N, C-alpha and C. Protein backbone atom coordinates (compact mmCIF):
# COMPACT_ATOMS: atom_id res chain seq x y z
N MET A 1 -13.86 -78.21 143.47
CA MET A 1 -14.48 -78.47 142.19
C MET A 1 -15.67 -77.51 142.03
N THR A 2 -15.71 -76.88 140.90
CA THR A 2 -16.88 -76.04 140.61
C THR A 2 -17.84 -76.86 139.76
N GLU A 3 -18.01 -76.51 138.54
CA GLU A 3 -18.97 -77.17 137.66
C GLU A 3 -18.22 -78.09 136.68
N LEU A 4 -18.08 -79.35 137.04
CA LEU A 4 -17.42 -80.29 136.14
C LEU A 4 -18.36 -80.56 134.97
N ARG A 5 -17.80 -80.54 133.78
CA ARG A 5 -18.61 -80.75 132.59
C ARG A 5 -17.75 -81.38 131.50
N LEU A 6 -18.43 -81.94 130.53
CA LEU A 6 -17.80 -82.45 129.32
C LEU A 6 -18.22 -81.55 128.17
N TYR A 7 -17.30 -81.20 127.32
CA TYR A 7 -17.69 -80.48 126.12
C TYR A 7 -16.93 -81.03 124.92
N GLN A 8 -17.63 -81.08 123.82
CA GLN A 8 -17.04 -81.55 122.58
C GLN A 8 -16.43 -80.37 121.86
N PRO A 9 -15.12 -80.41 121.66
CA PRO A 9 -14.45 -79.26 121.08
C PRO A 9 -14.76 -79.10 119.60
N GLN A 10 -14.70 -77.87 119.16
CA GLN A 10 -14.75 -77.56 117.74
C GLN A 10 -13.38 -77.88 117.16
N TYR A 11 -13.33 -78.02 115.86
CA TYR A 11 -12.08 -78.36 115.17
C TYR A 11 -10.93 -77.45 115.60
N HIS A 12 -11.17 -76.15 115.63
CA HIS A 12 -10.10 -75.19 115.94
C HIS A 12 -9.65 -75.25 117.41
N GLU A 13 -10.36 -76.02 118.24
CA GLU A 13 -10.00 -76.14 119.66
C GLU A 13 -9.15 -77.38 119.94
N LEU A 14 -8.77 -78.12 118.93
CA LEU A 14 -7.98 -79.33 119.14
C LEU A 14 -6.57 -79.07 119.65
N PHE A 15 -6.17 -77.80 119.70
CA PHE A 15 -4.87 -77.46 120.26
C PHE A 15 -4.72 -78.00 121.69
N PHE A 16 -5.83 -78.07 122.45
CA PHE A 16 -5.74 -78.60 123.82
C PHE A 16 -5.30 -80.06 123.79
N ARG A 17 -5.87 -80.83 122.89
CA ARG A 17 -5.47 -82.25 122.77
C ARG A 17 -4.01 -82.36 122.35
N GLU A 18 -3.59 -81.51 121.45
CA GLU A 18 -2.19 -81.50 121.01
C GLU A 18 -1.27 -81.24 122.21
N GLN A 19 -1.62 -80.25 123.03
CA GLN A 19 -0.84 -79.92 124.22
C GLN A 19 -0.84 -81.05 125.24
N LEU A 20 -2.02 -81.64 125.47
CA LEU A 20 -2.17 -82.71 126.45
C LEU A 20 -1.28 -83.90 126.08
N LEU A 21 -1.34 -84.34 124.83
CA LEU A 21 -0.59 -85.51 124.41
C LEU A 21 0.90 -85.28 124.30
N SER A 22 1.33 -84.03 124.28
CA SER A 22 2.76 -83.72 124.16
C SER A 22 3.39 -83.38 125.51
N ASP A 23 2.65 -83.46 126.58
CA ASP A 23 3.15 -83.14 127.91
C ASP A 23 3.76 -84.38 128.57
N PRO A 24 5.10 -84.43 128.73
CA PRO A 24 5.74 -85.62 129.30
C PRO A 24 5.25 -85.96 130.71
N ALA A 25 4.95 -84.96 131.54
CA ALA A 25 4.47 -85.24 132.89
C ALA A 25 3.10 -85.94 132.86
N THR A 26 2.23 -85.47 131.98
CA THR A 26 0.90 -86.08 131.85
C THR A 26 0.97 -87.46 131.22
N MET A 27 1.80 -87.63 130.22
CA MET A 27 1.84 -88.86 129.45
C MET A 27 2.81 -89.90 129.98
N ALA A 28 3.46 -89.64 131.12
CA ALA A 28 4.43 -90.59 131.68
C ALA A 28 3.83 -91.98 131.88
N PHE A 29 2.54 -92.06 132.20
CA PHE A 29 1.86 -93.35 132.39
C PHE A 29 1.94 -94.20 131.13
N ASN A 30 2.12 -93.59 129.99
CA ASN A 30 2.04 -94.23 128.69
C ASN A 30 3.42 -94.67 128.15
N ARG A 31 4.48 -94.49 128.96
CA ARG A 31 5.83 -94.82 128.50
C ARG A 31 6.03 -96.31 128.29
N GLY A 32 6.95 -96.63 127.38
CA GLY A 32 7.46 -97.96 127.23
C GLY A 32 6.71 -98.88 126.30
N LYS A 33 5.77 -98.38 125.57
CA LYS A 33 5.04 -99.23 124.62
C LYS A 33 5.85 -99.37 123.34
N GLU A 34 5.37 -100.19 122.45
CA GLU A 34 6.06 -100.40 121.17
C GLU A 34 6.14 -99.10 120.38
N PRO A 35 7.33 -98.80 119.85
CA PRO A 35 7.48 -97.57 119.06
C PRO A 35 6.57 -97.58 117.84
N SER A 36 6.05 -96.41 117.50
CA SER A 36 5.30 -96.24 116.28
C SER A 36 5.59 -94.84 115.74
N GLU A 37 5.03 -94.54 114.61
CA GLU A 37 5.36 -93.28 113.93
C GLU A 37 5.14 -92.03 114.80
N ASP A 38 4.03 -91.98 115.51
CA ASP A 38 3.67 -90.78 116.26
C ASP A 38 3.87 -90.91 117.77
N TYR A 39 4.37 -92.04 118.23
CA TYR A 39 4.49 -92.33 119.65
C TYR A 39 5.96 -92.29 120.07
N HIS A 40 6.21 -91.72 121.24
CA HIS A 40 7.57 -91.62 121.78
C HIS A 40 7.68 -92.50 123.03
N PRO A 41 8.25 -93.69 122.93
CA PRO A 41 8.28 -94.62 124.06
C PRO A 41 9.06 -94.10 125.27
N ASP A 42 9.99 -93.19 125.06
CA ASP A 42 10.78 -92.67 126.19
C ASP A 42 9.97 -91.73 127.06
N THR A 43 8.99 -91.01 126.49
CA THR A 43 8.18 -90.07 127.27
C THR A 43 6.72 -90.49 127.38
N GLY A 44 6.25 -91.34 126.47
CA GLY A 44 4.83 -91.71 126.41
C GLY A 44 4.01 -90.72 125.61
N CYS A 45 4.65 -89.66 125.13
CA CYS A 45 3.93 -88.62 124.38
C CYS A 45 3.54 -89.14 122.99
N ILE A 46 2.49 -88.53 122.46
CA ILE A 46 1.98 -88.88 121.14
C ILE A 46 1.88 -87.60 120.33
N ASP A 47 2.49 -87.60 119.15
CA ASP A 47 2.39 -86.44 118.27
C ASP A 47 0.96 -86.30 117.77
N PHE A 48 0.47 -85.09 117.76
CA PHE A 48 -0.87 -84.80 117.23
C PHE A 48 -0.79 -83.48 116.46
N PRO A 49 -0.02 -83.47 115.36
CA PRO A 49 0.13 -82.22 114.61
C PRO A 49 -1.15 -81.85 113.87
N ARG A 50 -1.26 -80.60 113.51
CA ARG A 50 -2.44 -80.10 112.80
C ARG A 50 -2.75 -80.89 111.54
N SER A 51 -1.73 -81.47 110.92
CA SER A 51 -1.96 -82.26 109.71
C SER A 51 -2.78 -83.52 109.99
N HIS A 52 -2.90 -83.92 111.25
CA HIS A 52 -3.70 -85.10 111.62
C HIS A 52 -5.10 -84.75 112.10
N TRP A 53 -5.35 -83.48 112.36
CA TRP A 53 -6.60 -83.08 112.98
C TRP A 53 -7.84 -83.44 112.17
N ALA A 54 -7.82 -83.22 110.87
CA ALA A 54 -9.04 -83.43 110.05
C ALA A 54 -9.47 -84.89 110.08
N LEU A 55 -8.54 -85.80 109.87
CA LEU A 55 -8.88 -87.23 109.88
C LEU A 55 -9.32 -87.66 111.27
N TRP A 56 -8.61 -87.21 112.30
CA TRP A 56 -8.97 -87.55 113.68
C TRP A 56 -10.37 -87.02 113.99
N TYR A 57 -10.64 -85.77 113.61
CA TYR A 57 -11.92 -85.15 113.92
C TYR A 57 -13.07 -85.92 113.27
N THR A 58 -12.89 -86.30 112.02
CA THR A 58 -13.91 -87.07 111.33
C THR A 58 -14.18 -88.39 112.03
N PHE A 59 -13.11 -89.08 112.45
CA PHE A 59 -13.27 -90.37 113.12
C PHE A 59 -13.95 -90.25 114.47
N TRP A 60 -13.46 -89.31 115.32
CA TRP A 60 -13.93 -89.23 116.70
C TRP A 60 -15.17 -88.38 116.90
N MET A 61 -15.39 -87.37 116.09
CA MET A 61 -16.44 -86.42 116.36
C MET A 61 -17.67 -86.56 115.46
N GLU A 62 -17.56 -87.37 114.42
CA GLU A 62 -18.68 -87.44 113.48
C GLU A 62 -19.20 -88.85 113.31
N ARG A 63 -18.99 -89.72 114.31
CA ARG A 63 -19.44 -91.11 114.19
C ARG A 63 -20.18 -91.60 115.42
N GLU A 64 -20.78 -90.71 116.16
CA GLU A 64 -21.52 -91.13 117.36
C GLU A 64 -22.65 -92.06 116.96
N PRO A 65 -22.93 -93.08 117.72
CA PRO A 65 -22.36 -93.43 119.01
C PRO A 65 -21.17 -94.38 118.95
N GLU A 66 -20.67 -94.75 117.77
CA GLU A 66 -19.53 -95.66 117.73
C GLU A 66 -18.31 -95.05 118.41
N THR A 67 -18.15 -93.76 118.29
CA THR A 67 -17.07 -93.05 118.97
C THR A 67 -17.65 -91.81 119.64
N PHE A 68 -17.00 -91.41 120.70
CA PHE A 68 -17.38 -90.18 121.40
C PHE A 68 -16.11 -89.62 122.04
N TYR A 69 -15.94 -88.32 121.96
CA TYR A 69 -14.78 -87.64 122.55
C TYR A 69 -15.24 -86.34 123.15
N ALA A 70 -14.70 -86.01 124.31
CA ALA A 70 -14.99 -84.73 124.95
C ALA A 70 -13.82 -84.28 125.80
N VAL A 71 -13.75 -83.00 126.03
CA VAL A 71 -12.80 -82.42 126.98
C VAL A 71 -13.49 -82.39 128.33
N VAL A 72 -12.76 -82.77 129.38
CA VAL A 72 -13.26 -82.68 130.75
C VAL A 72 -12.82 -81.30 131.26
N ALA A 73 -13.78 -80.53 131.76
CA ALA A 73 -13.44 -79.18 132.23
C ALA A 73 -14.08 -78.93 133.59
N ASP A 74 -13.40 -78.16 134.40
CA ASP A 74 -13.92 -77.68 135.68
C ASP A 74 -14.20 -76.20 135.46
N GLY A 75 -15.48 -75.88 135.27
CA GLY A 75 -15.82 -74.52 134.85
C GLY A 75 -15.26 -74.30 133.47
N ARG A 76 -14.36 -73.33 133.34
CA ARG A 76 -13.76 -73.02 132.04
C ARG A 76 -12.35 -73.61 131.90
N THR A 77 -11.89 -74.31 132.93
CA THR A 77 -10.52 -74.85 132.91
C THR A 77 -10.52 -76.28 132.37
N PRO A 78 -9.88 -76.53 131.21
CA PRO A 78 -9.79 -77.90 130.71
C PRO A 78 -8.85 -78.73 131.58
N LEU A 79 -9.31 -79.91 131.95
CA LEU A 79 -8.55 -80.78 132.85
C LEU A 79 -7.96 -81.98 132.13
N GLY A 80 -8.59 -82.39 131.05
CA GLY A 80 -8.15 -83.59 130.33
C GLY A 80 -9.16 -83.96 129.26
N GLU A 81 -9.13 -85.24 128.87
CA GLU A 81 -10.04 -85.72 127.84
C GLU A 81 -10.64 -87.04 128.26
N ILE A 82 -11.79 -87.37 127.66
CA ILE A 82 -12.48 -88.62 127.96
C ILE A 82 -13.17 -89.08 126.67
N SER A 83 -13.25 -90.38 126.51
CA SER A 83 -13.79 -90.88 125.24
C SER A 83 -14.29 -92.31 125.39
N TRP A 84 -14.98 -92.75 124.34
CA TRP A 84 -15.26 -94.18 124.17
C TRP A 84 -15.18 -94.47 122.68
N PHE A 85 -14.92 -95.75 122.37
CA PHE A 85 -15.00 -96.22 121.01
C PHE A 85 -15.51 -97.66 121.03
N PHE A 86 -16.21 -98.03 119.99
CA PHE A 86 -16.71 -99.40 119.89
C PHE A 86 -15.67 -100.23 119.16
N ASP A 87 -15.18 -101.29 119.80
CA ASP A 87 -14.12 -102.11 119.22
C ASP A 87 -14.64 -103.36 118.50
N GLY A 88 -15.95 -103.39 118.27
CA GLY A 88 -16.56 -104.55 117.63
C GLY A 88 -17.24 -105.47 118.63
N GLU A 89 -16.85 -105.33 119.91
CA GLU A 89 -17.44 -106.15 120.97
C GLU A 89 -17.95 -105.31 122.13
N ALA A 90 -17.24 -104.23 122.43
CA ALA A 90 -17.58 -103.44 123.61
C ALA A 90 -17.26 -101.97 123.36
N TYR A 91 -17.88 -101.10 124.16
CA TYR A 91 -17.57 -99.68 124.14
C TYR A 91 -16.47 -99.45 125.16
N ARG A 92 -15.25 -99.12 124.66
CA ARG A 92 -14.04 -98.99 125.46
C ARG A 92 -13.83 -97.55 125.85
N VAL A 93 -13.60 -97.30 127.13
CA VAL A 93 -13.43 -95.96 127.67
C VAL A 93 -11.97 -95.60 127.78
N GLY A 94 -11.68 -94.33 127.55
CA GLY A 94 -10.36 -93.78 127.79
C GLY A 94 -10.49 -92.46 128.50
N ILE A 95 -9.57 -92.18 129.42
CA ILE A 95 -9.56 -90.89 130.11
C ILE A 95 -8.10 -90.52 130.38
N ILE A 96 -7.77 -89.28 130.10
CA ILE A 96 -6.45 -88.73 130.44
C ILE A 96 -6.69 -87.41 131.13
N LEU A 97 -6.26 -87.31 132.38
CA LEU A 97 -6.29 -86.05 133.09
C LEU A 97 -4.89 -85.47 133.15
N LYS A 98 -4.77 -84.15 132.98
CA LYS A 98 -3.47 -83.51 133.08
C LYS A 98 -2.86 -83.86 134.44
N LYS A 99 -1.55 -84.04 134.47
CA LYS A 99 -0.86 -84.45 135.69
C LYS A 99 -1.25 -83.58 136.89
N GLU A 100 -1.32 -82.27 136.70
CA GLU A 100 -1.59 -81.39 137.83
C GLU A 100 -3.03 -81.47 138.35
N HIS A 101 -3.89 -82.17 137.64
CA HIS A 101 -5.29 -82.30 138.07
C HIS A 101 -5.61 -83.71 138.60
N ARG A 102 -4.63 -84.59 138.63
CA ARG A 102 -4.86 -85.93 139.15
C ARG A 102 -4.88 -85.92 140.66
N GLY A 103 -5.59 -86.88 141.24
CA GLY A 103 -5.66 -86.98 142.69
C GLY A 103 -6.55 -85.95 143.34
N LYS A 104 -7.39 -85.26 142.55
CA LYS A 104 -8.27 -84.22 143.08
C LYS A 104 -9.73 -84.59 142.99
N GLY A 105 -10.01 -85.87 142.69
CA GLY A 105 -11.39 -86.33 142.67
C GLY A 105 -12.14 -86.09 141.39
N TYR A 106 -11.46 -85.85 140.28
CA TYR A 106 -12.13 -85.57 139.01
C TYR A 106 -12.51 -86.83 138.23
N CYS A 107 -11.76 -87.90 138.41
CA CYS A 107 -11.95 -89.09 137.57
C CYS A 107 -13.36 -89.66 137.64
N ALA A 108 -13.82 -89.99 138.83
CA ALA A 108 -15.14 -90.62 138.96
C ALA A 108 -16.28 -89.72 138.47
N PRO A 109 -16.31 -88.42 138.83
CA PRO A 109 -17.38 -87.57 138.29
C PRO A 109 -17.32 -87.44 136.76
N ALA A 110 -16.12 -87.38 136.20
CA ALA A 110 -16.01 -87.31 134.73
C ALA A 110 -16.54 -88.59 134.09
N LEU A 111 -16.20 -89.73 134.68
CA LEU A 111 -16.71 -91.00 134.18
C LEU A 111 -18.22 -91.08 134.31
N ASP A 112 -18.77 -90.52 135.39
CA ASP A 112 -20.22 -90.50 135.56
C ASP A 112 -20.89 -89.66 134.48
N LEU A 113 -20.29 -88.52 134.14
CA LEU A 113 -20.84 -87.70 133.05
C LEU A 113 -20.77 -88.44 131.72
N LEU A 114 -19.67 -89.17 131.50
CA LEU A 114 -19.54 -89.96 130.27
C LEU A 114 -20.61 -91.04 130.23
N ALA A 115 -20.81 -91.72 131.36
CA ALA A 115 -21.83 -92.77 131.44
C ALA A 115 -23.23 -92.18 131.19
N GLN A 116 -23.49 -91.00 131.73
CA GLN A 116 -24.78 -90.36 131.49
C GLN A 116 -24.99 -90.14 130.00
N LYS A 117 -24.00 -89.67 129.31
CA LYS A 117 -24.10 -89.46 127.86
C LYS A 117 -24.31 -90.79 127.15
N ALA A 118 -23.54 -91.80 127.52
CA ALA A 118 -23.62 -93.11 126.87
C ALA A 118 -24.97 -93.76 127.08
N PHE A 119 -25.47 -93.71 128.31
CA PHE A 119 -26.68 -94.45 128.65
C PHE A 119 -27.97 -93.67 128.38
N GLU A 120 -27.99 -92.38 128.71
CA GLU A 120 -29.22 -91.61 128.52
C GLU A 120 -29.37 -91.11 127.09
N THR A 121 -28.31 -90.69 126.47
CA THR A 121 -28.42 -90.15 125.10
C THR A 121 -28.43 -91.27 124.06
N TYR A 122 -27.57 -92.26 124.23
CA TYR A 122 -27.41 -93.27 123.18
C TYR A 122 -27.93 -94.65 123.55
N GLY A 123 -28.27 -94.88 124.81
CA GLY A 123 -28.79 -96.17 125.22
C GLY A 123 -27.79 -97.31 125.09
N LEU A 124 -26.49 -97.00 125.23
CA LEU A 124 -25.47 -98.05 125.15
C LEU A 124 -25.68 -99.03 126.29
N PRO A 125 -25.36 -100.31 126.08
CA PRO A 125 -25.59 -101.30 127.12
C PRO A 125 -24.57 -101.26 128.26
N ALA A 126 -23.31 -100.94 127.93
CA ALA A 126 -22.26 -100.96 128.94
C ALA A 126 -21.03 -100.22 128.42
N LEU A 127 -20.18 -99.82 129.37
CA LEU A 127 -18.88 -99.23 129.05
C LEU A 127 -17.83 -100.12 129.73
N SER A 128 -16.68 -100.27 129.10
CA SER A 128 -15.65 -101.14 129.69
C SER A 128 -14.27 -100.54 129.50
N VAL A 129 -13.32 -101.05 130.28
CA VAL A 129 -11.94 -100.60 130.19
C VAL A 129 -11.04 -101.72 130.69
N THR A 130 -9.86 -101.79 130.13
CA THR A 130 -8.82 -102.69 130.63
C THR A 130 -7.69 -101.79 131.12
N LEU A 131 -7.32 -101.95 132.37
CA LEU A 131 -6.29 -101.11 132.98
C LEU A 131 -5.17 -101.97 133.55
N SER A 132 -3.98 -101.41 133.57
CA SER A 132 -2.88 -102.05 134.27
C SER A 132 -3.17 -101.91 135.77
N THR A 133 -2.95 -103.00 136.51
CA THR A 133 -3.16 -102.95 137.95
C THR A 133 -2.13 -102.01 138.62
N ALA A 134 -1.06 -101.69 137.90
CA ALA A 134 -0.07 -100.74 138.43
C ALA A 134 -0.66 -99.33 138.55
N PHE A 135 -1.72 -99.05 137.78
CA PHE A 135 -2.37 -97.74 137.84
C PHE A 135 -3.48 -97.79 138.87
N SER A 136 -3.11 -98.00 140.12
CA SER A 136 -4.11 -98.20 141.19
C SER A 136 -5.03 -97.00 141.36
N ALA A 137 -4.53 -95.79 141.19
CA ALA A 137 -5.39 -94.60 141.32
C ALA A 137 -6.46 -94.59 140.24
N ALA A 138 -6.10 -94.97 139.03
CA ALA A 138 -7.08 -95.02 137.94
C ALA A 138 -8.10 -96.11 138.21
N VAL A 139 -7.65 -97.27 138.67
CA VAL A 139 -8.58 -98.35 139.00
C VAL A 139 -9.56 -97.89 140.06
N LYS A 140 -9.07 -97.21 141.09
CA LYS A 140 -9.94 -96.71 142.16
C LYS A 140 -10.96 -95.70 141.61
N GLY A 141 -10.53 -94.84 140.71
CA GLY A 141 -11.44 -93.86 140.12
C GLY A 141 -12.57 -94.53 139.35
N PHE A 142 -12.23 -95.56 138.58
CA PHE A 142 -13.26 -96.31 137.84
C PHE A 142 -14.19 -97.03 138.82
N LEU A 143 -13.65 -97.62 139.87
CA LEU A 143 -14.49 -98.32 140.84
C LEU A 143 -15.42 -97.33 141.55
N ARG A 144 -14.91 -96.14 141.91
CA ARG A 144 -15.77 -95.12 142.53
C ARG A 144 -16.89 -94.68 141.59
N ALA A 145 -16.65 -94.73 140.30
CA ALA A 145 -17.66 -94.34 139.32
C ALA A 145 -18.70 -95.44 139.09
N GLY A 146 -18.51 -96.61 139.75
CA GLY A 146 -19.48 -97.68 139.63
C GLY A 146 -19.06 -98.82 138.76
N PHE A 147 -17.89 -98.75 138.13
CA PHE A 147 -17.40 -99.87 137.33
C PHE A 147 -17.12 -101.05 138.26
N CYS A 148 -17.36 -102.25 137.78
CA CYS A 148 -17.10 -103.47 138.55
C CYS A 148 -15.98 -104.25 137.87
N ARG A 149 -15.12 -104.81 138.71
CA ARG A 149 -14.03 -105.63 138.20
C ARG A 149 -14.61 -106.96 137.73
N VAL A 150 -14.38 -107.32 136.48
CA VAL A 150 -14.92 -108.60 135.97
C VAL A 150 -13.82 -109.62 135.70
N ARG A 151 -12.56 -109.17 135.60
CA ARG A 151 -11.48 -110.10 135.36
C ARG A 151 -10.16 -109.44 135.73
N ARG A 152 -9.26 -110.24 136.27
CA ARG A 152 -7.92 -109.76 136.57
C ARG A 152 -6.94 -110.85 136.16
N SER A 153 -5.98 -110.49 135.32
CA SER A 153 -4.95 -111.47 134.95
C SER A 153 -3.76 -110.76 134.34
N GLY A 154 -2.60 -111.31 134.57
CA GLY A 154 -1.38 -110.82 133.94
C GLY A 154 -1.10 -109.35 134.12
N GLY A 155 -1.39 -108.78 135.26
CA GLY A 155 -1.12 -107.37 135.52
C GLY A 155 -2.15 -106.40 134.99
N THR A 156 -3.28 -106.92 134.50
CA THR A 156 -4.36 -106.03 134.05
C THR A 156 -5.67 -106.45 134.70
N CYS A 157 -6.61 -105.54 134.67
CA CYS A 157 -7.95 -105.88 135.13
C CYS A 157 -8.95 -105.26 134.17
N ASP A 158 -10.03 -105.99 133.95
CA ASP A 158 -11.14 -105.52 133.11
C ASP A 158 -12.24 -105.03 134.03
N LEU A 159 -12.74 -103.84 133.73
CA LEU A 159 -13.81 -103.25 134.50
C LEU A 159 -14.97 -102.90 133.57
N VAL A 160 -16.19 -103.07 134.07
CA VAL A 160 -17.38 -102.82 133.26
C VAL A 160 -18.40 -102.04 134.09
N LEU A 161 -19.08 -101.13 133.43
CA LEU A 161 -20.21 -100.42 134.01
C LEU A 161 -21.39 -100.64 133.08
N THR A 162 -22.39 -101.35 133.57
CA THR A 162 -23.59 -101.56 132.75
C THR A 162 -24.56 -100.40 132.97
N GLN A 163 -25.43 -100.23 132.00
CA GLN A 163 -26.44 -99.19 132.11
C GLN A 163 -27.30 -99.43 133.34
N GLU A 164 -27.66 -100.69 133.59
CA GLU A 164 -28.49 -101.02 134.75
C GLU A 164 -27.79 -100.68 136.07
N ALA A 165 -26.52 -101.03 136.20
CA ALA A 165 -25.77 -100.72 137.43
C ALA A 165 -25.64 -99.22 137.62
N TRP A 166 -25.41 -98.48 136.52
CA TRP A 166 -25.28 -97.04 136.61
C TRP A 166 -26.59 -96.42 137.08
N ARG A 167 -27.72 -96.88 136.54
CA ARG A 167 -29.02 -96.35 136.96
C ARG A 167 -29.28 -96.64 138.43
N GLU A 168 -28.96 -97.85 138.88
CA GLU A 168 -29.16 -98.22 140.28
C GLU A 168 -28.32 -97.35 141.18
N LYS A 169 -27.08 -97.07 140.79
CA LYS A 169 -26.18 -96.23 141.60
C LYS A 169 -26.75 -94.82 141.69
N ARG A 170 -27.29 -94.28 140.61
CA ARG A 170 -27.84 -92.93 140.63
C ARG A 170 -29.11 -92.88 141.51
N GLU A 171 -29.89 -93.93 141.52
CA GLU A 171 -31.09 -93.97 142.36
C GLU A 171 -30.75 -94.00 143.83
N GLU A 172 -29.58 -94.57 144.18
CA GLU A 172 -29.16 -94.62 145.58
C GLU A 172 -28.79 -93.25 146.11
N LYS A 173 -28.39 -92.35 145.25
CA LYS A 173 -27.95 -91.00 145.68
C LYS A 173 -29.09 -90.16 146.17
């Protein structure tokens, strides 16, 4: 790992997101959900054509702190994407790393950078995620980043990282 960073893409750079969401190897984790207009349940891929970019960009890039989106990069190499959105109760985190970059230790540092943005820039109280327990590598990455398991039921687990816990973890380093 060189210099892991988050960067918010310009509108014309959304081609990376389009490529990421259309890669069957990367999106295999997302297979089998209910069919919808832009979702392919057989591959887990999600269509993100240029005709959707303007509305998506307005929603995700121009409403901070309710939403936040960034590309995760190692130096100049984009590895995936990371985000949060406020669902009315909590700030929900999402992360997708390209298949070829998984298992290389990027998840926890990327989540730490996201937490730094959430807590230091915006003063958010906490970040949370609900994951399938079948995604054990993802669960481990969130736990390494300091998230705590708060509930487990029906094949899913809820994890939360509070601003206070994140600050305490950083002070320990």
